Amino acid sequence: MVGAGVFSLVLELVPADLATRITAEIPVPTIGIGAGNGTDAQVLVWSDLMGLTPNAPKLAKAYRNLREEIASGVDEWAKDVASGVFPGMEQSY
């Protein structure tokens, strides 16, 4: 395996117990994507990590809810534009 040039192995959607066994048996690092915590490293798509993905897959965990924050910011901006508050003198040349 290593002789063939393998330097790491991605285990995506592999059952956790199997991913742990593979990690223990091979000489290169494993990278898990939905394969449990028994791998050497983890990958999580940043848009899932930050809560931007609606209906994110089971393997994802949102650590923030930027989707709500972005929607709230856009709504606030639109109201300020509609009311004439933005842009103000501070934002004008």
Foldseek 3Di string as FASTA:
>chain_A
DVVVPDAEEEDECADQVVQLVVQVPDDHFYEYQNRDDNGPYYDDPVCLCCQNDPPDDPSGDHPHNVNVVVVVVVVVVVVCVVVVVPPDPVPPD
